[in-house]
């Protein structure tokens, strides 16, 4: 869930800490991936319907958000000829990678003129 944890003031609190803002940015990546998952599944279903109208038998087999990495994956398979990977007629994945960051000035070099 995108909530108060991701206010600019929260990132500013971590900016000067030893861990910087990377942990909060990772949490944000995961939250965005979770928020986007339903739309990714809907899009995959729409594509599967189009393929099925052409004669395939594609169905949703898996949807996963990989916490800590800001990624999401939706997998569709036509396994009408068998469940083994070798028997599958068609397979497609929709993969989402979320990147988020916030400047961590405590680790930057100051330049003087």
C-alpha atoms as a PDB file:
ATOM      1  CA  UNK A   1       0.000   0.000   0.000  1.00  0.00           C
ATOM      2  CA  UNK A   2       1.255   3.457  -0.889  1.00  0.00           C
ATOM      3  CA  UNK A   3       0.825   5.376   2.361  1.00  0.00           C
ATOM      4  CA  UNK A   4       2.353   7.875   4.796  1.00  0.00           C
ATOM      5  CA  UNK A   5       5.582   5.864   5.000  1.00  0.00           C
ATOM      6  CA  UNK A   6       6.576   7.307   1.634  1.00  0.00           C
ATOM      7  CA  UNK A   7       6.124  11.017   2.346  1.00  0.00           C
ATOM      8  CA  UNK A   8       9.115  13.203   1.460  1.00  0.00           C
ATOM      9  CA  UNK A   9       9.621  13.880   5.162  1.00  0.00           C
ATOM     10  CA  UNK A  10      10.073  10.137   5.797  1.00  0.00           C
ATOM     11  CA  UNK A  11      12.766   9.905   3.112  1.00  0.00           C
ATOM     12  CA  UNK A  12      14.419  13.006   4.586  1.00  0.00           C
ATOM     13  CA  UNK A  13      14.614  11.288   8.003  1.00  0.00           C
ATOM     14  CA  UNK A  14      16.613   8.423   6.497  1.00  0.00           C
ATOM     15  CA  UNK A  15      18.783  10.597   4.305  1.00  0.00           C
ATOM     16  CA  UNK A  16      21.271  11.309   7.070  1.00  0.00           C
ATOM     17  CA  UNK A  17      21.241   7.827   8.633  1.00  0.00           C
ATOM     18  CA  UNK A  18      23.926   5.230   8.119  1.00  0.00           C
ATOM     19  CA  UNK A  19      21.534   3.086   6.071  1.00  0.00           C
ATOM     20  CA  UNK A  20      20.461   5.981   3.895  1.00  0.00           C
ATOM     21  CA  UNK A  21      17.189   5.894   1.989  1.00  0.00           C
ATOM     22  CA  UNK A  22      17.725   2.588   0.190  1.00  0.00           C
ATOM     23  CA  UNK A  23      15.587   0.529   2.598  1.00  0.00           C
ATOM     24  CA  UNK A  24      12.620   2.853   2.286  1.00  0.00           C
ATOM     25  CA  UNK A  25      13.063   2.997  -1.489  1.00  0.00           C
ATOM     26  CA  UNK A  26      13.004  -0.828  -1.584  1.00  0.00           C
ATOM     27  CA  UNK A  27       9.782  -0.831   0.442  1.00  0.00           C
ATOM     28  CA  UNK A  28       8.328   1.646  -2.048  1.00  0.00           C
ATOM     29  CA  UNK A  29       9.358  -0.538  -4.999  1.00  0.00           C
ATOM     30  CA  UNK A  30       7.559  -3.498  -3.420  1.00  0.00           C
ATOM     31  CA  UNK A  31       4.456  -1.417  -2.651  1.00  0.00           C
ATOM     32  CA  UNK A  32       4.303  -0.192  -6.249  1.00  0.00           C
ATOM     33  CA  UNK A  33       4.706  -3.743  -7.583  1.00  0.00           C
ATOM     34  CA  UNK A  34       1.857  -4.942  -5.334  1.00  0.00           C
ATOM     35  CA  UNK A  35      -0.332  -2.012  -6.447  1.00  0.00           C
ATOM     36  CA  UNK A  36       0.405  -2.732 -10.117  1.00  0.00           C
ATOM     37  CA  UNK A  37      -0.225  -6.492  -9.926  1.00  0.00           C
ATOM     38  CA  UNK A  38      -4.013  -6.384 -10.479  1.00  0.00           C
ATOM     39  CA  UNK A  39      -3.541  -4.248 -13.599  1.00  0.00           C
ATOM     40  CA  UNK A  40      -0.823  -6.614 -14.848  1.00  0.00           C
ATOM     41  CA  UNK A  41      -3.133  -9.607 -14.347  1.00  0.00           C
ATOM     42  CA  UNK A  42      -5.993  -7.786 -16.145  1.00  0.00           C
ATOM     43  CA  UNK A  43      -3.733  -6.960 -19.085  1.00  0.00           C
ATOM     44  CA  UNK A  44      -2.542 -10.558 -19.287  1.00  0.00           C
ATOM     45  CA  UNK A  45      -6.129 -11.829 -19.262  1.00  0.00           C
ATOM     46  CA  UNK A  46      -7.059  -9.442 -22.080  1.00  0.00           C
ATOM     47  CA  UNK A  47      -4.128 -10.711 -24.148  1.00  0.00           C
ATOM     48  CA  UNK A  48      -5.010 -14.333 -23.304  1.00  0.00           C
ATOM     49  CA  UNK A  49      -8.598 -13.729 -24.475  1.00  0.00           C
ATOM     50  CA  UNK A  50      -7.306 -12.424 -27.796  1.00  0.00           C
ATOM     51  CA  UNK A  51      -5.011 -15.427 -28.215  1.00  0.00           C
ATOM     52  CA  UNK A  52      -7.796 -17.811 -27.213  1.00  0.00           C
ATOM     53  CA  UNK A  53     -10.048 -16.230 -29.860  1.00  0.00           C
ATOM     54  CA  UNK A  54      -7.371 -17.309 -32.357  1.00  0.00           C
ATOM     55  CA  UNK A  55      -7.526 -20.928 -31.182  1.00  0.00           C
ATOM     56  CA  UNK A  56      -5.160 -21.117 -28.229  1.00  0.00           C
ATOM     57  CA  UNK A  57      -6.190 -22.262 -24.738  1.00  0.00           C
ATOM     58  CA  UNK A  58      -4.091 -19.890 -22.664  1.00  0.00           C
ATOM     59  CA  UNK A  59      -4.823 -19.533 -18.958  1.00  0.00           C
ATOM     60  CA  UNK A  60      -3.290 -17.778 -15.961  1.00  0.00           C
ATOM     61  CA  UNK A  61      -1.071 -20.159 -14.008  1.00  0.00           C
ATOM     62  CA  UNK A  62       0.902 -17.879 -11.674  1.00  0.00           C
ATOM     63  CA  UNK A  63       1.234 -14.323 -10.436  1.00  0.00           C
ATOM     64  CA  UNK A  64       3.960 -13.360  -7.993  1.00  0.00           C
ATOM     65  CA  UNK A  65       5.372 -10.215  -6.403  1.00  0.00           C
ATOM     66  CA  UNK A  66       8.996 -10.755  -5.390  1.00  0.00           C
ATOM     67  CA  UNK A  67       9.372  -8.799  -2.151  1.00  0.00           C
ATOM     68  CA  UNK A  68      12.665  -7.031  -1.678  1.00  0.00           C
ATOM     69  CA  UNK A  69      13.258  -6.733  -5.401  1.00  0.00           C
ATOM     70  CA  UNK A  70      10.339  -4.618  -6.652  1.00  0.00           C
ATOM     71  CA  UNK A  71       9.391  -7.123  -9.332  1.00  0.00           C
ATOM     72  CA  UNK A  72       6.152  -8.788 -10.354  1.00  0.00           C
ATOM     73  CA  UNK A  73       5.508 -11.621 -12.783  1.00  0.00           C
ATOM     74  CA  UNK A  74       2.338 -12.964 -14.379  1.00  0.00           C
ATOM     75  CA  UNK A  75       2.513 -16.248 -16.315  1.00  0.00           C
ATOM     76  CA  UNK A  76       0.008 -17.623 -18.825  1.00  0.00           C
ATOM     77  CA  UNK A  77       0.263 -21.057 -20.420  1.00  0.00           C
ATOM     78  CA  UNK A  78      -1.579 -23.134 -23.006  1.00  0.00           C
ATOM     79  CA  UNK A  79      -1.145 -26.540 -21.443  1.00  0.00           C
ATOM     80  CA  UNK A  80      -3.996 -28.199 -23.338  1.00  0.00           C
ATOM     81  CA  UNK A  81      -1.536 -30.822 -24.638  1.00  0.00           C
ATOM     82  CA  UNK A  82      -0.114 -31.600 -21.204  1.00  0.00           C
ATOM     83  CA  UNK A  83       1.214 -30.005 -18.054  1.00  0.00           C
ATOM     84  CA  UNK A  84       4.896 -30.646 -18.675  1.00  0.00           C
ATOM     85  CA  UNK A  85       6.854 -27.713 -20.021  1.00  0.00           C
ATOM     86  CA  UNK A  86       7.778 -29.752 -23.115  1.00  0.00           C
ATOM     87  CA  UNK A  87       4.080 -30.340 -23.889  1.00  0.00           C
ATOM     88  CA  UNK A  88       2.961 -26.739 -23.527  1.00  0.00           C
ATOM     89  CA  UNK A  89       1.907 -25.104 -26.769  1.00  0.00           C
ATOM     90  CA  UNK A  90       2.301 -21.465 -25.797  1.00  0.00           C
ATOM     91  CA  UNK A  91       3.572 -19.574 -22.786  1.00  0.00           C
ATOM     92  CA  UNK A  92       3.896 -15.872 -22.096  1.00  0.00           C
ATOM     93  CA  UNK A  93       5.010 -13.837 -19.109  1.00  0.00           C
ATOM     94  CA  UNK A  94       4.433 -10.239 -18.222  1.00  0.00           C
ATOM     95  CA  UNK A  95       7.299  -9.031 -16.050  1.00  0.00           C
ATOM     96  CA  UNK A  96       7.367  -5.743 -14.183  1.00  0.00           C
ATOM     97  CA  UNK A  97      10.466  -4.187 -12.645  1.00  0.00           C
ATOM     98  CA  UNK A  98      10.010  -1.173 -10.391  1.00  0.00           C
ATOM     99  CA  UNK A  99      12.937   1.117  -9.620  1.00  0.00           C
ATOM    100  CA  UNK A 100      12.716   3.797  -6.952  1.00  0.00           C
ATOM    101  CA  UNK A 101      15.296   5.980  -5.292  1.00  0.00           C
ATOM    102  CA  UNK A 102      15.812   9.130  -3.322  1.00  0.00           C
ATOM    103  CA  UNK A 103      19.040  11.117  -3.133  1.00  0.00           C
ATOM    104  CA  UNK A 104      21.212  10.047  -0.235  1.00  0.00           C
ATOM    105  CA  UNK A 105      23.281  13.161   0.302  1.00  0.00           C
ATOM    106  CA  UNK A 106      25.130  11.695   3.267  1.00  0.00           C
ATOM    107  CA  UNK A 107      27.084   9.553   0.802  1.00  0.00           C
ATOM    108  CA  UNK A 108      27.732  12.219  -1.796  1.00  0.00           C
ATOM    109  CA  UNK A 109      30.894  14.263  -2.179  1.00  0.00           C
ATOM    110  CA  UNK A 110      30.718  18.001  -1.656  1.00  0.00           C
ATOM    111  CA  UNK A 111      32.428  20.176  -4.228  1.00  0.00           C
ATOM    112  CA  UNK A 112      33.867  23.569  -3.388  1.00  0.00           C
ATOM    113  CA  UNK A 113      34.645  26.277  -5.859  1.00  0.00           C
END
